[in-house]
Amino acid sequence: MKYTPNLNLKQPELTENVLISDINENMDVLDAAVNELQQGTKEIPDLETEDKTLGGAINEVKNEVINVKQEIESHVINPMPHMFVDNGKTYRWGFRTVNGEPQIISEEVI
């Protein structure tokens, strides 16, 4: 008897008798593999996410998109979202426009 390389399914030779129990075992393996794919619970080791399941990776990416969107919205609302330190003093800085002219603004953080 031969076996498939990925799921280790039984493959009877052409000269062998086929057992219903072998077919049923193969069907159980296939059913479990398809279920893992449908549920997104199958581990995919080379995913560049902490969660290596498809469903978990998608949720992780979705949450990261939400976080970045919130950071961008916060950044746009705050006129001075940046900070720097000069001679031991901390400053906030940003951009604004006055009469259509861009200006760099800053203030010392107390």
N, C-alpha and C. Protein backbone atom coordinates (compact mmCIF):
# COMPACT_ATOMS: atom_id res chain seq x y z
N MET A 1 0.85 -1.18 0.00
CA MET A 1 0.00 0.00 0.00
C MET A 1 0.89 1.24 0.00
N LYS A 2 0.50 2.24 -0.79
CA LYS A 2 1.19 3.53 -0.81
C LYS A 2 0.37 4.52 0.01
N TYR A 3 1.03 5.61 0.39
CA TYR A 3 0.37 6.68 1.14
C TYR A 3 0.67 8.02 0.46
N THR A 4 -0.31 8.93 0.52
CA THR A 4 -0.11 10.24 -0.08
C THR A 4 0.90 11.03 0.76
N PRO A 5 1.67 11.92 0.12
CA PRO A 5 2.75 12.61 0.84
C PRO A 5 2.28 13.65 1.86
N ASN A 6 1.13 14.27 1.66
CA ASN A 6 0.73 15.36 2.54
C ASN A 6 -0.20 14.93 3.67
N LEU A 7 -1.25 14.22 3.35
CA LEU A 7 -2.23 13.83 4.36
C LEU A 7 -2.09 12.37 4.78
N ASN A 8 -1.16 11.67 4.19
CA ASN A 8 -0.91 10.27 4.51
C ASN A 8 -2.15 9.40 4.29
N LEU A 9 -2.88 9.71 3.20
CA LEU A 9 -4.06 8.91 2.85
C LEU A 9 -3.61 7.58 2.27
N LYS A 10 -4.41 6.57 2.52
CA LYS A 10 -4.08 5.24 2.00
C LYS A 10 -4.39 5.17 0.52
N GLN A 11 -3.44 4.63 -0.26
CA GLN A 11 -3.61 4.44 -1.70
C GLN A 11 -3.29 2.99 -2.04
N PRO A 12 -4.31 2.17 -2.12
CA PRO A 12 -4.06 0.77 -2.46
C PRO A 12 -3.48 0.64 -3.87
N GLU A 13 -2.61 -0.32 -4.03
CA GLU A 13 -2.07 -0.63 -5.36
C GLU A 13 -3.20 -1.21 -6.22
N LEU A 14 -3.03 -1.20 -7.54
CA LEU A 14 -4.05 -1.71 -8.45
C LEU A 14 -4.34 -3.20 -8.23
N THR A 15 -3.38 -3.91 -7.69
CA THR A 15 -3.56 -5.35 -7.48
C THR A 15 -4.10 -5.69 -6.09
N GLU A 16 -4.27 -4.68 -5.22
CA GLU A 16 -4.74 -4.93 -3.85
C GLU A 16 -6.26 -4.80 -3.76
N ASN A 17 -6.81 -5.47 -2.78
CA ASN A 17 -8.23 -5.29 -2.48
C ASN A 17 -8.42 -3.97 -1.74
N VAL A 18 -9.54 -3.31 -2.03
CA VAL A 18 -9.85 -2.05 -1.37
C VAL A 18 -10.77 -2.33 -0.19
N LEU A 19 -10.39 -1.84 0.98
CA LEU A 19 -11.20 -2.04 2.17
C LEU A 19 -12.04 -0.78 2.43
N ILE A 20 -13.29 -1.00 2.74
CA ILE A 20 -14.17 0.12 3.08
C ILE A 20 -13.62 0.87 4.29
N SER A 21 -13.02 0.18 5.23
CA SER A 21 -12.45 0.84 6.41
C SER A 21 -11.32 1.80 6.01
N ASP A 22 -10.52 1.45 4.99
CA ASP A 22 -9.47 2.37 4.50
C ASP A 22 -10.10 3.61 3.87
N ILE A 23 -11.15 3.42 3.09
CA ILE A 23 -11.84 4.55 2.47
C ILE A 23 -12.42 5.46 3.55
N ASN A 24 -13.04 4.86 4.57
CA ASN A 24 -13.63 5.65 5.66
C ASN A 24 -12.56 6.42 6.43
N GLU A 25 -11.41 5.79 6.67
CA GLU A 25 -10.31 6.50 7.35
C GLU A 25 -9.83 7.68 6.51
N ASN A 26 -9.69 7.47 5.20
CA ASN A 26 -9.29 8.56 4.31
C ASN A 26 -10.31 9.70 4.36
N MET A 27 -11.60 9.34 4.35
CA MET A 27 -12.65 10.37 4.39
C MET A 27 -12.59 11.16 5.70
N ASP A 28 -12.30 10.50 6.81
CA ASP A 28 -12.17 11.19 8.09
C ASP A 28 -11.02 12.20 8.07
N VAL A 29 -9.89 11.78 7.48
CA VAL A 29 -8.73 12.67 7.38
C VAL A 29 -9.07 13.87 6.50
N LEU A 30 -9.70 13.63 5.36
CA LEU A 30 -10.09 14.72 4.45
C LEU A 30 -11.09 15.66 5.11
N ASP A 31 -12.08 15.09 5.81
CA ASP A 31 -13.09 15.90 6.47
C ASP A 31 -12.45 16.81 7.52
N ALA A 32 -11.52 16.28 8.29
CA ALA A 32 -10.85 17.08 9.33
C ALA A 32 -10.01 18.19 8.69
N ALA A 33 -9.30 17.87 7.59
CA ALA A 33 -8.46 18.87 6.93
C ALA A 33 -9.30 19.99 6.33
N VAL A 34 -10.42 19.64 5.69
CA VAL A 34 -11.29 20.65 5.11
C VAL A 34 -11.92 21.50 6.22
N ASN A 35 -12.29 20.88 7.32
CA ASN A 35 -12.87 21.61 8.45
C ASN A 35 -11.88 22.63 9.01
N GLU A 36 -10.61 22.23 9.15
CA GLU A 36 -9.59 23.17 9.63
C GLU A 36 -9.47 24.38 8.70
N LEU A 37 -9.53 24.12 7.40
CA LEU A 37 -9.46 25.23 6.43
C LEU A 37 -10.68 26.12 6.54
N GLN A 38 -11.86 25.53 6.66
CA GLN A 38 -13.09 26.32 6.75
C GLN A 38 -13.13 27.14 8.03
N GLN A 39 -12.65 26.58 9.12
CA GLN A 39 -12.68 27.27 10.41
C GLN A 39 -11.53 28.26 10.57
N GLY A 40 -10.54 28.16 9.70
CA GLY A 40 -9.37 29.04 9.81
C GLY A 40 -8.47 28.65 10.96
N THR A 41 -8.53 27.40 11.41
CA THR A 41 -7.73 26.98 12.55
C THR A 41 -6.46 26.22 12.15
N LYS A 42 -6.29 25.95 10.89
CA LYS A 42 -5.09 25.25 10.41
C LYS A 42 -3.88 26.15 10.58
N GLU A 43 -2.83 25.64 11.19
CA GLU A 43 -1.62 26.43 11.39
C GLU A 43 -0.86 26.57 10.08
N ILE A 44 -0.40 27.79 9.81
CA ILE A 44 0.41 28.08 8.63
C ILE A 44 1.70 28.72 9.16
N PRO A 45 2.77 27.93 9.30
CA PRO A 45 3.97 28.39 10.00
C PRO A 45 4.63 29.64 9.42
N ASP A 46 4.53 29.86 8.11
CA ASP A 46 5.26 30.99 7.53
C ASP A 46 4.45 32.28 7.48
N LEU A 47 3.27 32.33 8.13
CA LEU A 47 2.55 33.60 8.22
C LEU A 47 3.38 34.57 9.05
N GLU A 48 3.45 35.82 8.61
CA GLU A 48 4.24 36.82 9.33
C GLU A 48 3.39 37.51 10.38
N THR A 49 2.65 36.73 11.14
CA THR A 49 1.82 37.23 12.22
C THR A 49 2.10 36.38 13.44
N GLU A 50 1.71 36.88 14.62
CA GLU A 50 1.90 36.09 15.83
C GLU A 50 1.01 34.86 15.82
N ASP A 51 -0.24 35.04 15.41
CA ASP A 51 -1.19 33.92 15.31
C ASP A 51 -0.98 33.26 13.96
N LYS A 52 -0.67 31.99 13.96
CA LYS A 52 -0.33 31.29 12.72
C LYS A 52 -1.53 30.60 12.07
N THR A 53 -2.75 30.86 12.58
CA THR A 53 -3.93 30.32 11.90
C THR A 53 -4.46 31.39 10.97
N LEU A 54 -5.13 30.98 9.90
CA LEU A 54 -5.62 31.93 8.92
C LEU A 54 -6.62 32.91 9.55
N GLY A 55 -7.58 32.39 10.30
CA GLY A 55 -8.56 33.26 10.95
C GLY A 55 -7.91 34.21 11.94
N GLY A 56 -6.98 33.70 12.74
CA GLY A 56 -6.29 34.53 13.72
C GLY A 56 -5.44 35.60 13.06
N ALA A 57 -4.76 35.23 11.97
CA ALA A 57 -3.93 36.20 11.25
C ALA A 57 -4.78 37.31 10.65
N ILE A 58 -5.92 36.95 10.08
CA ILE A 58 -6.81 37.96 9.51
C ILE A 58 -7.28 38.91 10.61
N ASN A 59 -7.66 38.38 11.76
CA ASN A 59 -8.10 39.24 12.87
C ASN A 59 -6.95 40.12 13.37
N GLU A 60 -5.75 39.56 13.40
CA GLU A 60 -4.59 40.33 13.85
C GLU A 60 -4.33 41.51 12.89
N VAL A 61 -4.39 41.25 11.60
CA VAL A 61 -4.19 42.31 10.61
C VAL A 61 -5.31 43.34 10.72
N LYS A 62 -6.55 42.88 10.89
CA LYS A 62 -7.69 43.80 11.02
C LYS A 62 -7.50 44.71 12.23
N ASN A 63 -7.09 44.15 13.36
CA ASN A 63 -6.87 44.96 14.57
C ASN A 63 -5.74 45.97 14.36
N GLU A 64 -4.70 45.57 13.63
CA GLU A 64 -3.59 46.49 13.37
C GLU A 64 -4.06 47.64 12.48
N VAL A 65 -4.90 47.34 11.50
CA VAL A 65 -5.45 48.39 10.63
C VAL A 65 -6.28 49.37 11.46
N ILE A 66 -7.09 48.86 12.37
CA ILE A 66 -7.90 49.72 13.24
C ILE A 66 -6.99 50.61 14.10
N ASN A 67 -5.92 50.02 14.67
CA ASN A 67 -4.99 50.79 15.51
C ASN A 67 -4.31 51.90 14.70
N VAL A 68 -3.85 51.57 13.50
CA VAL A 68 -3.17 52.57 12.67
C VAL A 68 -4.15 53.68 12.28
N LYS A 69 -5.38 53.31 11.95
CA LYS A 69 -6.39 54.31 11.59
C LYS A 69 -6.63 55.26 12.77
N GLN A 70 -6.73 54.72 13.99
CA GLN A 70 -6.93 55.56 15.16
C GLN A 70 -5.73 56.47 15.41
N GLU A 71 -4.51 55.95 15.21
CA GLU A 71 -3.31 56.76 15.38
C GLU A 71 -3.28 57.90 14.36
N ILE A 72 -3.64 57.61 13.12
CA ILE A 72 -3.66 58.65 12.08
C ILE A 72 -4.70 59.72 12.43
N GLU A 73 -5.89 59.29 12.84
CA GLU A 73 -6.94 60.25 13.20
C GLU A 73 -6.48 61.13 14.36
N SER A 74 -5.85 60.53 15.35
CA SER A 74 -5.35 61.29 16.50
C SER A 74 -4.25 62.25 16.06
N HIS A 75 -3.39 61.79 15.18
CA HIS A 75 -2.28 62.60 14.67
C HIS A 75 -2.81 63.82 13.91
N VAL A 76 -3.84 63.62 13.11
CA VAL A 76 -4.41 64.71 12.31
C VAL A 76 -5.09 65.74 13.20
N ILE A 77 -5.76 65.29 14.25
CA ILE A 77 -6.48 66.20 15.15
C ILE A 77 -5.51 67.04 15.98
N ASN A 78 -4.41 66.45 16.41
CA ASN A 78 -3.45 67.12 17.28
C ASN A 78 -2.56 68.04 16.44
N PRO A 79 -2.59 69.37 16.69
CA PRO A 79 -1.78 70.27 15.87
C PRO A 79 -0.27 70.13 16.11
N MET A 80 0.11 69.57 17.26
CA MET A 80 1.53 69.39 17.55
C MET A 80 1.78 67.95 18.06
N PRO A 81 1.72 66.98 17.16
CA PRO A 81 1.83 65.59 17.59
C PRO A 81 3.27 65.11 17.78
N HIS A 82 4.25 65.90 17.36
CA HIS A 82 5.64 65.45 17.41
C HIS A 82 6.35 66.05 18.61
N MET A 83 7.41 65.35 19.07
CA MET A 83 8.19 65.85 20.21
C MET A 83 9.67 65.71 19.90
N PHE A 84 10.44 66.62 20.49
CA PHE A 84 11.90 66.52 20.42
C PHE A 84 12.49 67.11 21.68
N VAL A 85 13.74 66.74 21.96
CA VAL A 85 14.46 67.24 23.14
C VAL A 85 15.66 68.05 22.66
N ASP A 86 15.82 69.23 23.23
CA ASP A 86 16.95 70.09 22.88
C ASP A 86 17.52 70.67 24.16
N ASN A 87 18.78 70.43 24.45
CA ASN A 87 19.44 70.92 25.66
C ASN A 87 18.65 70.58 26.92
N GLY A 88 18.13 69.38 26.99
CA GLY A 88 17.42 68.93 28.17
C GLY A 88 15.98 69.40 28.26
N LYS A 89 15.52 70.20 27.32
CA LYS A 89 14.13 70.67 27.31
C LYS A 89 13.36 69.90 26.25
N THR A 90 12.12 69.57 26.57
CA THR A 90 11.25 68.84 25.64
C THR A 90 10.29 69.80 24.98
N TYR A 91 10.13 69.65 23.68
CA TYR A 91 9.24 70.51 22.90
C TYR A 91 8.26 69.65 22.10
N ARG A 92 7.05 70.19 21.91
CA ARG A 92 6.09 69.62 20.97
C ARG A 92 6.16 70.47 19.72
N TRP A 93 5.91 69.86 18.56
CA TRP A 93 5.90 70.65 17.34
C TRP A 93 4.95 70.04 16.32
N GLY A 94 4.57 70.87 15.36
CA GLY A 94 3.67 70.41 14.32
C GLY A 94 3.53 71.45 13.22
N PHE A 95 2.51 71.30 12.43
CA PHE A 95 2.26 72.20 11.30
C PHE A 95 0.86 72.77 11.40
N ARG A 96 0.70 73.96 10.85
CA ARG A 96 -0.62 74.54 10.68
C ARG A 96 -0.54 75.48 9.47
N THR A 97 -1.69 75.93 9.05
CA THR A 97 -1.71 76.93 7.97
C THR A 97 -2.43 78.17 8.47
N VAL A 98 -1.93 79.32 8.08
CA VAL A 98 -2.55 80.60 8.38
C VAL A 98 -2.72 81.31 7.03
N ASN A 99 -3.98 81.58 6.69
CA ASN A 99 -4.30 82.19 5.38
C ASN A 99 -3.69 81.38 4.24
N GLY A 100 -3.73 80.06 4.37
CA GLY A 100 -3.22 79.19 3.32
C GLY A 100 -1.71 79.01 3.31
N GLU A 101 -0.99 79.66 4.22
CA GLU A 101 0.46 79.56 4.29
C GLU A 101 0.85 78.56 5.39
N PRO A 102 1.70 77.58 5.07
CA PRO A 102 2.11 76.61 6.09
C PRO A 102 3.07 77.22 7.10
N GLN A 103 2.91 76.80 8.36
CA GLN A 103 3.79 77.26 9.43
C GLN A 103 4.19 76.05 10.29
N ILE A 104 5.43 76.11 10.76
CA ILE A 104 5.88 75.13 11.76
C ILE A 104 5.65 75.78 13.11
N ILE A 105 4.99 75.07 14.01
CA ILE A 105 4.72 75.61 15.34
C ILE A 105 5.35 74.70 16.38
N SER A 106 5.74 75.29 17.50
CA SER A 106 6.31 74.47 18.58
C SER A 106 6.09 75.18 19.91
N GLU A 107 6.20 74.39 20.98
CA GLU A 107 6.11 74.94 22.33
C GLU A 107 6.84 74.00 23.28
N GLU A 108 7.37 74.57 24.35
CA GLU A 108 8.04 73.77 25.35
C GLU A 108 7.02 73.01 26.17
N VAL A 109 7.30 71.76 26.45
CA VAL A 109 6.42 70.94 27.28
C VAL A 109 6.82 71.16 28.72
N ILE A 110 5.85 71.50 29.54
CA ILE A 110 6.14 71.77 30.95
C ILE A 110 5.87 70.55 31.78
